[in-house]
Amino acid sequence: GWGEHPGLDDEGIVLPGYVAAGDLPALYRGADAFVYPSLFEGFGIPVLEAMASGLPLVAPNSGGVTTYASDDTAWLAPADAESFARRVQELFADPAARARRTQHALAVAGEYRWERVAHQFFQTYEQLVRISTGASSTSSCSALVQRSSRSAPSLWTPASSTSRNGQASKVTKLHA
């Protein structure tokens, strides 16, 4: 039991604990929604993975996840259980909003690719080198990013799947 929160014992609610990276894609494909009540996350990679997997999302309205999750992509909730519960109810009550936010979330998540992250990292690094040395230019790291991104795998790629209710849906596959 869950003590004062016995509703978490209801059928259909899964609290899996640690999940190996190789098992995540199947877990995401079988889910109807992703609820992320963590209030102290930095960037929140699981939220981005859920968005990239096409899952409707309930997440906190503060912290690092707001870097990419917004009211256009998720149901954002204040830091209390009642607000999270209300957002979950809203998610399931409005299929049109769920589809709209999920499509927008897929587009936002698609912007987070390794080559983009590497390019931004090297741009920041070059700026820091120029500032600290007073140099007007540095040897460009951009060529390194371009060379390495040709062979770098992406985090997520489109895939087809069948949801738990048997309907075909377009989701993305998470690469471990």
Protein backbone atom coordinates (compact mmCIF):
# COMPACT_ATOMS: atom_id res chain seq x y z
CA GLY A 1 0.00 0.00 0.00
CA TRP A 2 0.85 3.64 -0.32
CA GLY A 3 -0.36 4.74 3.11
CA GLU A 4 -2.30 7.97 2.77
CA HIS A 5 -2.34 7.66 -1.05
CA PRO A 6 -4.13 4.34 -1.59
CA GLY A 7 -5.19 5.40 -5.14
CA LEU A 8 -1.70 4.59 -6.34
CA ASP A 9 -2.51 0.91 -5.82
CA ASP A 10 -5.22 1.10 -8.49
CA GLU A 11 -5.02 -1.19 -11.49
CA GLY A 12 -3.35 0.50 -14.44
CA ILE A 13 -0.95 2.67 -12.44
CA VAL A 14 2.62 1.45 -12.81
CA LEU A 15 5.42 2.64 -10.55
CA PRO A 16 8.30 0.63 -12.03
CA GLY A 17 11.25 2.02 -10.09
CA TYR A 18 14.56 1.73 -11.98
CA VAL A 19 14.14 0.79 -15.65
CA ALA A 20 17.11 -0.27 -17.80
CA ALA A 21 17.74 1.97 -20.82
CA GLY A 22 17.04 -0.89 -23.23
CA ASP A 23 13.57 -1.38 -21.74
CA LEU A 24 12.51 2.28 -21.94
CA PRO A 25 11.21 2.31 -25.54
CA ALA A 26 8.78 -0.54 -24.86
CA LEU A 27 7.67 1.03 -21.60
CA TYR A 28 6.99 4.36 -23.32
CA ARG A 29 5.13 2.66 -26.17
CA GLY A 30 2.85 0.87 -23.73
CA ALA A 31 2.01 3.97 -21.68
CA ASP A 32 -1.05 6.18 -22.07
CA ALA A 33 0.62 9.18 -20.39
CA PHE A 34 3.79 10.24 -18.61
CA VAL A 35 3.42 11.94 -15.23
CA TYR A 36 6.62 13.45 -13.87
CA PRO A 37 6.03 14.93 -10.40
CA SER A 38 9.73 15.55 -9.70
CA LEU A 39 10.21 19.13 -8.54
CA PHE A 40 13.98 19.27 -8.28
CA GLU A 41 15.20 18.21 -11.70
CA GLY A 42 17.87 19.97 -13.64
CA PHE A 43 17.19 19.28 -17.29
CA GLY A 44 14.86 16.28 -16.89
CA ILE A 45 15.88 13.84 -19.64
CA PRO A 46 12.96 11.46 -18.91
CA VAL A 47 10.51 14.26 -19.78
CA LEU A 48 12.23 14.85 -23.11
CA GLU A 49 12.25 11.10 -23.80
CA ALA A 50 8.52 10.90 -23.10
CA MET A 51 7.87 13.88 -25.40
CA ALA A 52 9.94 12.25 -28.14
CA SER A 53 7.97 9.04 -27.67
CA GLY A 54 4.69 10.81 -28.33
CA LEU A 55 3.34 10.51 -24.80
CA PRO A 56 1.00 13.09 -23.31
CA LEU A 57 2.87 14.68 -20.42
CA VAL A 58 2.09 16.08 -16.98
CA ALA A 59 5.13 17.83 -15.51
CA PRO A 60 6.01 20.54 -12.98
CA ASN A 61 5.59 24.17 -14.01
CA SER A 62 9.01 25.03 -12.59
CA GLY A 63 12.58 23.86 -12.82
CA GLY A 64 14.65 22.63 -15.73
CA VAL A 65 11.83 20.92 -17.63
CA THR A 66 10.34 24.33 -18.45
CA THR A 67 13.36 24.83 -20.72
CA TYR A 68 11.49 22.78 -23.34
CA ALA A 69 8.12 21.78 -21.83
CA SER A 70 5.44 24.46 -21.96
CA ASP A 71 1.66 24.77 -21.97
CA ASP A 72 1.88 24.02 -25.70
CA THR A 73 3.53 20.64 -25.13
CA ALA A 74 2.31 19.44 -21.73
CA TRP A 75 -0.04 19.85 -18.83
CA LEU A 76 2.15 21.78 -16.38
CA ALA A 77 1.23 21.69 -12.71
CA PRO A 78 2.23 23.53 -9.54
CA ALA A 79 4.08 21.59 -6.87
CA ASP A 80 1.16 19.90 -5.14
CA ALA A 81 -0.59 16.55 -5.52
CA GLU A 82 -4.03 18.04 -6.17
CA SER A 83 -2.75 20.11 -9.10
CA PHE A 84 -1.01 17.10 -10.63
CA ALA A 85 -4.19 15.01 -10.23
CA ARG A 86 -6.27 17.76 -11.84
CA ARG A 87 -3.86 17.98 -14.80
CA VAL A 88 -4.01 14.19 -15.32
CA GLN A 89 -7.82 14.40 -15.40
CA GLU A 90 -7.63 17.27 -17.93
CA LEU A 91 -5.22 15.26 -20.10
CA PHE A 92 -7.66 12.36 -20.43
CA ALA A 93 -10.77 14.54 -20.70
CA ASP A 94 -9.77 16.39 -23.89
CA PRO A 95 -8.53 14.14 -26.75
CA ALA A 96 -8.13 17.11 -29.13
CA ALA A 97 -5.87 18.99 -26.72
CA ARG A 98 -3.96 15.78 -26.03
CA ALA A 99 -3.30 15.25 -29.75
CA ARG A 100 -2.35 18.90 -30.32
CA ARG A 101 0.07 19.06 -27.38
CA THR A 102 1.57 15.68 -28.23
CA GLN A 103 2.29 16.76 -31.83
CA HIS A 104 3.92 19.96 -30.63
CA ALA A 105 5.93 18.01 -28.06
CA LEU A 106 7.22 15.68 -30.79
CA ALA A 107 8.43 18.70 -32.78
CA VAL A 108 10.13 20.28 -29.76
CA ALA A 109 11.80 17.00 -28.75
CA GLY A 110 13.07 16.57 -32.32
CA GLU A 111 15.18 19.69 -31.86
CA TYR A 112 17.28 17.94 -29.21
CA ARG A 113 19.73 15.95 -31.30
CA TRP A 114 23.32 15.10 -30.42
CA GLU A 115 24.79 17.08 -33.29
CA ARG A 116 22.88 20.21 -32.19
CA VAL A 117 24.01 19.77 -28.58
CA ALA A 118 27.64 19.25 -29.69
CA HIS A 119 27.51 22.31 -31.96
CA GLN A 120 26.14 24.50 -29.13
CA PHE A 121 28.75 23.13 -26.72
CA PHE A 122 31.61 23.94 -29.08
CA GLN A 123 30.24 27.41 -29.83
CA THR A 124 30.14 28.14 -26.10
CA TYR A 125 33.62 26.69 -25.66
CA GLU A 126 35.00 28.86 -28.47
CA GLN A 127 33.40 31.95 -26.92
CA LEU A 128 34.97 31.17 -23.56
CA VAL A 129 38.39 30.69 -25.14
CA ARG A 130 38.09 34.01 -27.00
CA ILE A 131 37.00 35.82 -23.84
CA SER A 132 39.68 34.30 -21.65
CA THR A 133 42.54 34.78 -24.14
CA GLY A 134 41.39 38.01 -25.77
CA ALA A 135 41.79 36.31 -29.14
CA SER A 136 39.58 37.41 -32.02
CA SER A 137 39.25 33.83 -33.25
CA THR A 138 40.12 30.30 -32.28
CA SER A 139 40.63 27.17 -34.25
CA SER A 140 37.11 26.24 -35.16
CA CYS A 141 35.48 23.35 -33.42
CA SER A 142 32.64 23.49 -35.94
CA ALA A 143 34.50 21.28 -38.40
CA LEU A 144 34.89 18.67 -35.66
CA VAL A 145 31.15 18.79 -34.96
CA GLN A 146 30.32 18.45 -38.67
CA ARG A 147 32.68 15.48 -39.08
CA SER A 148 31.46 13.70 -35.96
CA SER A 149 27.75 14.35 -36.52
CA ARG A 150 27.81 12.39 -39.76
CA SER A 151 28.42 9.21 -37.79
CA ALA A 152 26.77 10.16 -34.49
CA PRO A 153 23.51 8.37 -33.76
CA SER A 154 20.46 10.41 -32.93
CA LEU A 155 18.70 10.00 -29.61
CA TRP A 156 15.32 9.38 -31.22
CA THR A 157 14.14 8.35 -34.66
CA PRO A 158 10.63 7.97 -36.03
CA ALA A 159 9.11 4.53 -35.74
CA SER A 160 5.70 3.00 -36.11
CA SER A 161 4.05 1.25 -33.26
CA THR A 162 0.77 -0.11 -32.08
CA SER A 163 -0.49 1.39 -28.86
CA ARG A 164 -1.85 -0.63 -25.97
CA ASN A 165 -5.41 -0.18 -27.23
CA GLY A 166 -4.47 -1.70 -30.61
CA GLN A 167 -4.54 1.51 -32.64
CA ALA A 168 -1.61 2.27 -34.90
CA SER A 169 0.20 5.41 -33.87
CA LYS A 170 3.30 7.29 -34.92
CA VAL A 171 5.82 7.37 -32.11
CA THR A 172 9.54 7.77 -31.88
CA LYS A 173 12.02 5.15 -30.87
CA LEU A 174 14.49 5.93 -28.14
CA HIS A 175 18.00 4.67 -28.82
CA ALA A 176 19.81 3.33 -25.79
